[in-house]
Amino acid sequence: MRKEQQKSIRSLTLSAVLAAAYVTLAFLCDSVGLLKYAIQIRIPEALCILAAFTPAAIPGVTVGCLLTNILLAGAPLDIIFGTVATY
């Protein structure tokens, strides 16, 4: 396998793991009621700092936020603008 392919696969895998971590943390926060009301405490947003260390974190955290907003029945505006803000 070429070095470029290995780097691409590693980056894609890291993005997928970060998206899964974001969704998992969000579901944990939701289970204790931190995501219910107008003021939300989104602990998974702390993963955004990883973008400073690896570019693979950008799509991973963005997809994780999108999936979280869809799966937790977020408002349409939150699905759109929350995901854009995370990006």
PDB file of N, CA and C in Angstrom:
ATOM      1  N   MET A   1       0.851  -1.174   0.000  1.00  0.00           N
ATOM      2  CA  MET A   1       0.000   0.000   0.000  1.00  0.00           C
ATOM      3  C   MET A   1       0.900   1.241   0.000  1.00  0.00           C
ATOM      4  N   ARG A   2       0.498   2.219  -0.753  1.00  0.00           N
ATOM      5  CA  ARG A   2       1.291   3.443  -0.830  1.00  0.00           C
ATOM      6  C   ARG A   2       1.155   4.251   0.450  1.00  0.00           C
ATOM      7  N   LYS A   3       2.161   5.069   0.675  1.00  0.00           N
ATOM      8  CA  LYS A   3       2.199   5.890   1.883  1.00  0.00           C
ATOM      9  C   LYS A   3       1.037   6.889   1.930  1.00  0.00           C
ATOM     10  N   GLU A   4       0.663   7.434   0.757  1.00  0.00           N
ATOM     11  CA  GLU A   4      -0.447   8.383   0.708  1.00  0.00           C
ATOM     12  C   GLU A   4      -1.759   7.696   1.088  1.00  0.00           C
ATOM     13  N   GLN A   5      -1.926   6.460   0.618  1.00  0.00           N
ATOM     14  CA  GLN A   5      -3.142   5.707   0.950  1.00  0.00           C
ATOM     15  C   GLN A   5      -3.200   5.413   2.432  1.00  0.00           C
ATOM     16  N   GLN A   6      -2.077   5.045   3.016  1.00  0.00           N
ATOM     17  CA  GLN A   6      -2.050   4.759   4.445  1.00  0.00           C
ATOM     18  C   GLN A   6      -2.403   5.992   5.256  1.00  0.00           C
ATOM     19  N   LYS A   7      -1.874   7.135   4.840  1.00  0.00           N
ATOM     20  CA  LYS A   7      -2.166   8.381   5.544  1.00  0.00           C
ATOM     21  C   LYS A   7      -3.644   8.739   5.407  1.00  0.00           C
ATOM     22  N   SER A   8      -4.208   8.522   4.234  1.00  0.00           N
ATOM     23  CA  SER A   8      -5.618   8.803   3.994  1.00  0.00           C
ATOM     24  C   SER A   8      -6.515   7.890   4.829  1.00  0.00           C
ATOM     25  N   ILE A   9      -6.175   6.620   4.887  1.00  0.00           N
ATOM     26  CA  ILE A   9      -6.966   5.669   5.676  1.00  0.00           C
ATOM     27  C   ILE A   9      -6.864   5.999   7.156  1.00  0.00           C
ATOM     28  N   ARG A  10      -5.678   6.350   7.614  1.00  0.00           N
ATOM     29  CA  ARG A  10      -5.483   6.712   9.022  1.00  0.00           C
ATOM     30  C   ARG A  10      -6.291   7.958   9.378  1.00  0.00           C
ATOM     31  N   SER A  11      -6.293   8.927   8.491  1.00  0.00           N
ATOM     32  CA  SER A  11      -7.043  10.160   8.716  1.00  0.00           C
ATOM     33  C   SER A  11      -8.552   9.895   8.757  1.00  0.00           C
ATOM     34  N   LEU A  12      -9.033   9.077   7.832  1.00  0.00           N
ATOM     35  CA  LEU A  12     -10.455   8.730   7.799  1.00  0.00           C
ATOM     36  C   LEU A  12     -10.861   7.971   9.057  1.00  0.00           C
ATOM     37  N   THR A  13     -10.009   7.050   9.494  1.00  0.00           N
ATOM     38  CA  THR A  13     -10.300   6.277  10.698  1.00  0.00           C
ATOM     39  C   THR A  13     -10.334   7.173  11.933  1.00  0.00           C
ATOM     40  N   LEU A  14      -9.386   8.098  12.034  1.00  0.00           N
ATOM     41  CA  LEU A  14      -9.368   9.024  13.160  1.00  0.00           C
ATOM     42  C   LEU A  14     -10.613   9.903  13.166  1.00  0.00           C
ATOM     43  N   SER A  15     -11.032  10.361  11.995  1.00  0.00           N
ATOM     44  CA  SER A  15     -12.250  11.171  11.897  1.00  0.00           C
ATOM     45  C   SER A  15     -13.467  10.379  12.372  1.00  0.00           C
ATOM     46  N   ALA A  16     -13.551   9.122  11.971  1.00  0.00           N
ATOM     47  CA  ALA A  16     -14.684   8.281  12.373  1.00  0.00           C
ATOM     48  C   ALA A  16     -14.682   8.031  13.874  1.00  0.00           C
ATOM     49  N   VAL A  17     -13.523   7.797  14.445  1.00  0.00           N
ATOM     50  CA  VAL A  17     -13.425   7.575  15.895  1.00  0.00           C
ATOM     51  C   VAL A  17     -13.817   8.836  16.656  1.00  0.00           C
ATOM     52  N   LEU A  18     -13.394   9.986  16.185  1.00  0.00           N
ATOM     53  CA  LEU A  18     -13.766  11.237  16.852  1.00  0.00           C
ATOM     54  C   LEU A  18     -15.259  11.521  16.728  1.00  0.00           C
ATOM     55  N   ALA A  19     -15.844  11.214  15.582  1.00  0.00           N
ATOM     56  CA  ALA A  19     -17.297  11.385  15.430  1.00  0.00           C
ATOM     57  C   ALA A  19     -18.036  10.471  16.404  1.00  0.00           C
ATOM     58  N   ALA A  20     -17.585   9.229  16.523  1.00  0.00           N
ATOM     59  CA  ALA A  20     -18.215   8.293  17.456  1.00  0.00           C
ATOM     60  C   ALA A  20     -18.037   8.743  18.903  1.00  0.00           C
ATOM     61  N   ALA A  21     -16.863   9.274  19.230  1.00  0.00           N
ATOM     62  CA  ALA A  21     -16.619   9.776  20.583  1.00  0.00           C
ATOM     63  C   ALA A  21     -17.526  10.961  20.898  1.00  0.00           C
ATOM     64  N   TYR A  22     -17.707  11.848  19.926  1.00  0.00           N
ATOM     65  CA  TYR A  22     -18.579  13.005  20.109  1.00  0.00           C
ATOM     66  C   TYR A  22     -20.007  12.549  20.400  1.00  0.00           C
ATOM     67  N   VAL A  23     -20.507  11.643  19.578  1.00  0.00           N
ATOM     68  CA  VAL A  23     -21.886  11.162  19.751  1.00  0.00           C
ATOM     69  C   VAL A  23     -22.034  10.447  21.094  1.00  0.00           C
ATOM     70  N   THR A  24     -21.058   9.636  21.465  1.00  0.00           N
ATOM     71  CA  THR A  24     -21.121   8.912  22.729  1.00  0.00           C
ATOM     72  C   THR A  24     -21.137   9.869  23.914  1.00  0.00           C
ATOM     73  N   LEU A  25     -20.253  10.858  23.898  1.00  0.00           N
ATOM     74  CA  LEU A  25     -20.234  11.843  24.977  1.00  0.00           C
ATOM     75  C   LEU A  25     -21.540  12.630  25.039  1.00  0.00           C
ATOM     76  N   ALA A  26     -22.085  12.962  23.887  1.00  0.00           N
ATOM     77  CA  ALA A  26     -23.350  13.700  23.854  1.00  0.00           C
ATOM     78  C   ALA A  26     -24.490  12.872  24.440  1.00  0.00           C
ATOM     79  N   PHE A  27     -24.532  11.583  24.111  1.00  0.00           N
ATOM     80  CA  PHE A  27     -25.578  10.734  24.676  1.00  0.00           C
ATOM     81  C   PHE A  27     -25.408  10.586  26.185  1.00  0.00           C
ATOM     82  N   LEU A  28     -24.177  10.542  26.663  1.00  0.00           N
ATOM     83  CA  LEU A  28     -23.948  10.497  28.112  1.00  0.00           C
ATOM     84  C   LEU A  28     -24.428  11.788  28.778  1.00  0.00           C
ATOM     85  N   CYS A  29     -24.131  12.924  28.154  1.00  0.00           N
ATOM     86  CA  CYS A  29     -24.603  14.212  28.686  1.00  0.00           C
ATOM     87  C   CYS A  29     -26.125  14.283  28.664  1.00  0.00           C
ATOM     88  N   ASP A  30     -26.723  13.771  27.614  1.00  0.00           N
ATOM     89  CA  ASP A  30     -28.180  13.779  27.510  1.00  0.00           C
ATOM     90  C   ASP A  30     -28.812  12.885  28.571  1.00  0.00           C
ATOM     91  N   SER A  31     -28.151  11.791  28.909  1.00  0.00           N
ATOM     92  CA  SER A  31     -28.724  10.869  29.894  1.00  0.00           C
ATOM     93  C   SER A  31     -28.779  11.470  31.296  1.00  0.00           C
ATOM     94  N   VAL A  32     -27.930  12.468  31.563  1.00  0.00           N
ATOM     95  CA  VAL A  32     -27.984  13.128  32.874  1.00  0.00           C
ATOM     96  C   VAL A  32     -28.656  14.502  32.787  1.00  0.00           C
ATOM     97  N   GLY A  33     -29.230  14.826  31.626  1.00  0.00           N
ATOM     98  CA  GLY A  33     -30.044  16.030  31.486  1.00  0.00           C
ATOM     99  C   GLY A  33     -29.301  17.311  31.166  1.00  0.00           C
ATOM    100  N   LEU A  34     -28.090  17.234  30.673  1.00  0.00           N
ATOM    101  CA  LEU A  34     -27.334  18.449  30.369  1.00  0.00           C
ATOM    102  C   LEU A  34     -27.677  19.059  29.012  1.00  0.00           C
ATOM    103  N   LEU A  35     -28.422  18.339  28.177  1.00  0.00           N
ATOM    104  CA  LEU A  35     -28.738  18.826  26.829  1.00  0.00           C
ATOM    105  C   LEU A  35     -30.225  19.110  26.636  1.00  0.00           C
ATOM    106  N   LYS A  36     -30.960  19.290  27.695  1.00  0.00           N
ATOM    107  CA  LYS A  36     -32.415  19.348  27.590  1.00  0.00           C
ATOM    108  C   LYS A  36     -32.996  20.738  27.366  1.00  0.00           C
ATOM    109  N   TYR A  37     -32.450  21.737  27.965  1.00  0.00           N
ATOM    110  CA  TYR A  37     -33.129  23.027  28.016  1.00  0.00           C
ATOM    111  C   TYR A  37     -32.431  24.072  27.148  1.00  0.00           C
ATOM    112  N   ALA A  38     -32.839  25.334  27.297  1.00  0.00           N
ATOM    113  CA  ALA A  38     -32.299  26.403  26.461  1.00  0.00           C
ATOM    114  C   ALA A  38     -30.796  26.577  26.686  1.00  0.00           C
ATOM    115  N   ILE A  39     -30.358  26.407  27.910  1.00  0.00           N
ATOM    116  CA  ILE A  39     -28.930  26.472  28.206  1.00  0.00           C
ATOM    117  C   ILE A  39     -28.429  25.039  28.315  1.00  0.00           C
ATOM    118  N   GLN A  40     -27.530  24.690  27.414  1.00  0.00           N
ATOM    119  CA  GLN A  40     -27.025  23.324  27.349  1.00  0.00           C
ATOM    120  C   GLN A  40     -25.543  23.301  27.710  1.00  0.00           C
ATOM    121  N   ILE A  41     -25.142  22.235  28.351  1.00  0.00           N
ATOM    122  CA  ILE A  41     -23.729  22.021  28.637  1.00  0.00           C
ATOM    123  C   ILE A  41     -23.273  20.897  27.720  1.00  0.00           C
ATOM    124  N   ARG A  42     -22.554  21.259  26.681  1.00  0.00           N
ATOM    125  CA  ARG A  42     -22.121  20.274  25.683  1.00  0.00           C
ATOM    126  C   ARG A  42     -20.650  19.936  25.913  1.00  0.00           C
ATOM    127  N   ILE A  43     -20.427  18.949  26.718  1.00  0.00           N
ATOM    128  CA  ILE A  43     -19.070  18.493  27.012  1.00  0.00           C
ATOM    129  C   ILE A  43     -18.344  18.023  25.749  1.00  0.00           C
ATOM    130  N   PRO A  44     -19.031  17.383  24.780  1.00  0.00           N
ATOM    131  CA  PRO A  44     -18.320  16.936  23.574  1.00  0.00           C
ATOM    132  C   PRO A  44     -17.692  18.075  22.764  1.00  0.00           C
ATOM    133  N   GLU A  45     -18.164  19.292  22.943  1.00  0.00           N
ATOM    134  CA  GLU A  45     -17.585  20.417  22.206  1.00  0.00           C
ATOM    135  C   GLU A  45     -16.128  20.649  22.591  1.00  0.00           C
ATOM    136  N   ALA A  46     -15.705  20.066  23.703  1.00  0.00           N
ATOM    137  CA  ALA A  46     -14.296  20.172  24.083  1.00  0.00           C
ATOM    138  C   ALA A  46     -13.398  19.468  23.070  1.00  0.00           C
ATOM    139  N   LEU A  47     -13.960  18.563  22.291  1.00  0.00           N
ATOM    140  CA  LEU A  47     -13.179  17.874  21.256  1.00  0.00           C
ATOM    141  C   LEU A  47     -12.760  18.813  20.127  1.00  0.00           C
ATOM    142  N   CYS A  48     -13.371  19.986  20.043  1.00  0.00           N
ATOM    143  CA  CYS A  48     -13.025  20.950  18.985  1.00  0.00           C
ATOM    144  C   CYS A  48     -11.565  21.381  19.074  1.00  0.00           C
ATOM    145  N   ILE A  49     -10.980  21.341  20.261  1.00  0.00           N
ATOM    146  CA  ILE A  49      -9.583  21.744  20.423  1.00  0.00           C
ATOM    147  C   ILE A  49      -8.644  20.812  19.657  1.00  0.00           C
ATOM    148  N   LEU A  50      -9.095  19.597  19.369  1.00  0.00           N
ATOM    149  CA  LEU A  50      -8.257  18.641  18.655  1.00  0.00           C
ATOM    150  C   LEU A  50      -7.937  19.096  17.230  1.00  0.00           C
ATOM    151  N   ALA A  51      -8.731  20.014  16.702  1.00  0.00           N
ATOM    152  CA  ALA A  51      -8.467  20.534  15.356  1.00  0.00           C
ATOM    153  C   ALA A  51      -7.131  21.276  15.298  1.00  0.00           C
ATOM    154  N   ALA A  52      -6.657  21.755  16.430  1.00  0.00           N
ATOM    155  CA  ALA A  52      -5.356  22.421  16.469  1.00  0.00           C
ATOM    156  C   ALA A  52      -4.211  21.425  16.334  1.00  0.00           C
ATOM    157  N   PHE A  53      -4.491  20.152  16.604  1.00  0.00           N
ATOM    158  CA  PHE A  53      -3.446  19.134  16.580  1.00  0.00           C
ATOM    159  C   PHE A  53      -3.478  18.252  15.340  1.00  0.00           C
ATOM    160  N   THR A  54      -4.667  18.040  14.787  1.00  0.00           N
ATOM    161  CA  THR A  54      -4.781  17.204  13.596  1.00  0.00           C
ATOM    162  C   THR A  54      -5.945  17.677  12.732  1.00  0.00           C
ATOM    163  N   PRO A  55      -5.735  17.807  11.440  1.00  0.00           N
ATOM    164  CA  PRO A  55      -6.821  18.228  10.552  1.00  0.00           C
ATOM    165  C   PRO A  55      -7.949  17.196  10.466  1.00  0.00           C
ATOM    166  N   ALA A  56      -7.678  15.957  10.825  1.00  0.00           N
ATOM    167  CA  ALA A  56      -8.711  14.920  10.779  1.00  0.00           C
ATOM    168  C   ALA A  56      -9.812  15.168  11.808  1.00  0.00           C
ATOM    169  N   ALA A  57      -9.524  16.002  12.794  1.00  0.00           N
ATOM    170  CA  ALA A  57     -10.526  16.291  13.821  1.00  0.00           C
ATOM    171  C   ALA A  57     -11.655  17.164  13.282  1.00  0.00           C
ATOM    172  N   ILE A  58     -11.378  17.949  12.267  1.00  0.00           N
ATOM    173  CA  ILE A  58     -12.393  18.876  11.751  1.00  0.00           C
ATOM    174  C   ILE A  58     -13.610  18.131  11.196  1.00  0.00           C
ATOM    175  N   PRO A  59     -13.443  17.215  10.235  1.00  0.00           N
ATOM    176  CA  PRO A  59     -14.639  16.500   9.764  1.00  0.00           C
ATOM    177  C   PRO A  59     -15.206  15.554  10.817  1.00  0.00           C
ATOM    178  N   GLY A  60     -14.350  14.997  11.664  1.00  0.00           N
ATOM    179  CA  GLY A  60     -14.834  14.067  12.685  1.00  0.00           C
ATOM    180  C   GLY A  60     -15.770  14.734  13.676  1.00  0.00           C
ATOM    181  N   VAL A  61     -15.354  15.864  14.210  1.00  0.00           N
ATOM    182  CA  VAL A  61     -16.181  16.571  15.188  1.00  0.00           C
ATOM    183  C   VAL A  61     -17.418  17.159  14.514  1.00  0.00           C
ATOM    184  N   THR A  62     -17.272  17.630  13.292  1.00  0.00           N
ATOM    185  CA  THR A  62     -18.424  18.187  12.573  1.00  0.00           C
ATOM    186  C   THR A  62     -19.483  17.127  12.314  1.00  0.00           C
ATOM    187  N   VAL A  63     -19.072  15.972  11.832  1.00  0.00           N
ATOM    188  CA  VAL A  63     -20.029  14.879  11.581  1.00  0.00           C
ATOM    189  C   VAL A  63     -20.629  14.393  12.890  1.00  0.00           C
ATOM    190  N   GLY A  64     -19.821  14.334  13.944  1.00  0.00           N
ATOM    191  CA  GLY A  64     -20.337  13.940  15.255  1.00  0.00           C
ATOM    192  C   GLY A  64     -21.410  14.891  15.751  1.00  0.00           C
ATOM    193  N   CYS A  65     -21.193  16.186  15.567  1.00  0.00           N
ATOM    194  CA  CYS A  65     -22.190  17.186  15.966  1.00  0.00           C
ATOM    195  C   CYS A  65     -23.459  17.044  15.141  1.00  0.00           C
ATOM    196  N   LEU A  66     -23.319  16.858  13.837  1.00  0.00           N
ATOM    197  CA  LEU A  66     -24.488  16.687  12.970  1.00  0.00           C
ATOM    198  C   LEU A  66     -25.292  15.463  13.381  1.00  0.00           C
ATOM    199  N   LEU A  67     -24.624  14.347  13.590  1.00  0.00           N
ATOM    200  CA  LEU A  67     -25.321  13.126  13.992  1.00  0.00           C
ATOM    201  C   LEU A  67     -26.001  13.287  15.343  1.00  0.00           C
ATOM    202  N   THR A  68     -25.326  13.942  16.268  1.00  0.00           N
ATOM    203  CA  THR A  68     -25.916  14.170  17.588  1.00  0.00           C
ATOM    204  C   THR A  68     -27.183  14.999  17.479  1.00  0.00           C
ATOM    205  N   ASN A  69     -27.121  16.078  16.707  1.00  0.00           N
ATOM    206  CA  ASN A  69     -28.299  16.937  16.564  1.00  0.00           C
ATOM    207  C   ASN A  69     -29.462  16.202  15.900  1.00  0.00           C
ATOM    208  N   ILE A  70     -29.163  15.342  14.955  1.00  0.00           N
ATOM    209  CA  ILE A  70     -30.224  14.582  14.287  1.00  0.00           C
ATOM    210  C   ILE A  70     -30.784  13.508  15.219  1.00  0.00           C
ATOM    211  N   LEU A  71     -29.900  12.749  15.861  1.00  0.00           N
ATOM    212  CA  LEU A  71     -30.335  11.635  16.696  1.00  0.00           C
ATOM    213  C   LEU A  71     -31.042  12.065  17.977  1.00  0.00           C
ATOM    214  N   LEU A  72     -30.683  13.223  18.504  1.00  0.00           N
ATOM    215  CA  LEU A  72     -31.321  13.701  19.720  1.00  0.00           C
ATOM    216  C   LEU A  72     -32.463  14.660  19.424  1.00  0.00           C
ATOM    217  N   ALA A  73     -32.980  14.598  18.210  1.00  0.00           N
ATOM    218  CA  ALA A  73     -34.153  15.368  17.786  1.00  0.00           C
ATOM    219  C   ALA A  73     -33.990  16.859  18.060  1.00  0.00           C
ATOM    220  N   GLY A  74     -32.873  17.384  17.574  1.00  0.00           N
ATOM    221  CA  GLY A  74     -32.647  18.818  17.712  1.00  0.00           C
ATOM    222  C   GLY A  74     -33.560  19.599  16.780  1.00  0.00           C
ATOM    223  N   ALA A  75     -33.739  20.869  17.101  1.00  0.00           N
ATOM    224  CA  ALA A  75     -34.535  21.740  16.241  1.00  0.00           C
ATOM    225  C   ALA A  75     -33.808  21.908  14.901  1.00  0.00           C
ATOM    226  N   PRO A  76     -34.550  22.096  13.820  1.00  0.00           N
ATOM    227  CA  PRO A  76     -33.904  22.248  12.509  1.00  0.00           C
ATOM    228  C   PRO A  76     -32.842  23.346  12.476  1.00  0.00           C
ATOM    229  N   LEU A  77     -33.098  24.459  13.163  1.00  0.00           N
ATOM    230  CA  LEU A  77     -32.099  25.530  13.186  1.00  0.00           C
ATOM    231  C   LEU A  77     -30.847  25.087  13.929  1.00  0.00           C
ATOM    232  N   ASP A  78     -31.023  24.299  14.982  1.00  0.00           N
ATOM    233  CA  ASP A  78     -29.880  23.798  15.736  1.00  0.00           C
ATOM    234  C   ASP A  78     -29.089  22.795  14.903  1.00  0.00           C
ATOM    235  N   ILE A  79     -29.784  21.992  14.129  1.00  0.00           N
ATOM    236  CA  ILE A  79     -29.102  21.022  13.279  1.00  0.00           C
ATOM    237  C   ILE A  79     -28.221  21.750  12.268  1.00  0.00           C
ATOM    238  N   ILE A  80     -28.741  22.801  11.675  1.00  0.00           N
ATOM    239  CA  ILE A  80     -27.995  23.524  10.641  1.00  0.00           C
ATOM    240  C   ILE A  80     -26.921  24.417  11.255  1.00  0.00           C
ATOM    241  N   PHE A  81     -27.341  25.360  12.094  1.00  0.00           N
ATOM    242  CA  PHE A  81     -26.407  26.375  12.593  1.00  0.00           C
ATOM    243  C   PHE A  81     -25.482  25.846  13.677  1.00  0.00           C
ATOM    244  N   GLY A  82     -25.924  24.866  14.448  1.00  0.00           N
ATOM    245  CA  GLY A  82     -25.039  24.250  15.437  1.00  0.00           C
ATOM    246  C   GLY A  82     -23.902  23.496  14.776  1.00  0.00           C
ATOM    247  N   THR A  83     -24.230  22.794  13.706  1.00  0.00           N
ATOM    248  CA  THR A  83     -23.200  22.063  12.974  1.00  0.00           C
ATOM    249  C   THR A  83     -22.243  23.017  12.288  1.00  0.00           C
ATOM    250  N   VAL A  84     -22.754  24.083  11.703  1.00  0.00           N
ATOM    251  CA  VAL A  84     -21.889  25.074  11.057  1.00  0.00           C
ATOM    252  C   VAL A  84     -20.993  25.751  12.090  1.00  0.00           C
ATOM    253  N   ALA A  85     -21.527  26.051  13.267  1.00  0.00           N
ATOM    254  CA  ALA A  85     -20.720  26.678  14.314  1.00  0.00           C
ATOM    255  C   ALA A  85     -19.613  25.736  14.793  1.00  0.00           C
ATOM    256  N   THR A  86     -19.906  24.460  14.879  1.00  0.00           N
ATOM    257  CA  THR A  86     -18.887  23.495  15.284  1.00  0.00           C
ATOM    258  C   THR A  86     -17.807  23.379  14.226  1.00  0.00           C
ATOM    259  N   TYR A  87     -18.217  23.418  12.966  1.00  0.00           N
ATOM    260  CA  TYR A  87     -17.249  23.328  11.866  1.00  0.00           C
ATOM    261  C   TYR A  87     -16.281  24.484  11.944  1.00  0.00           C
TER     262      TYR A  87
END
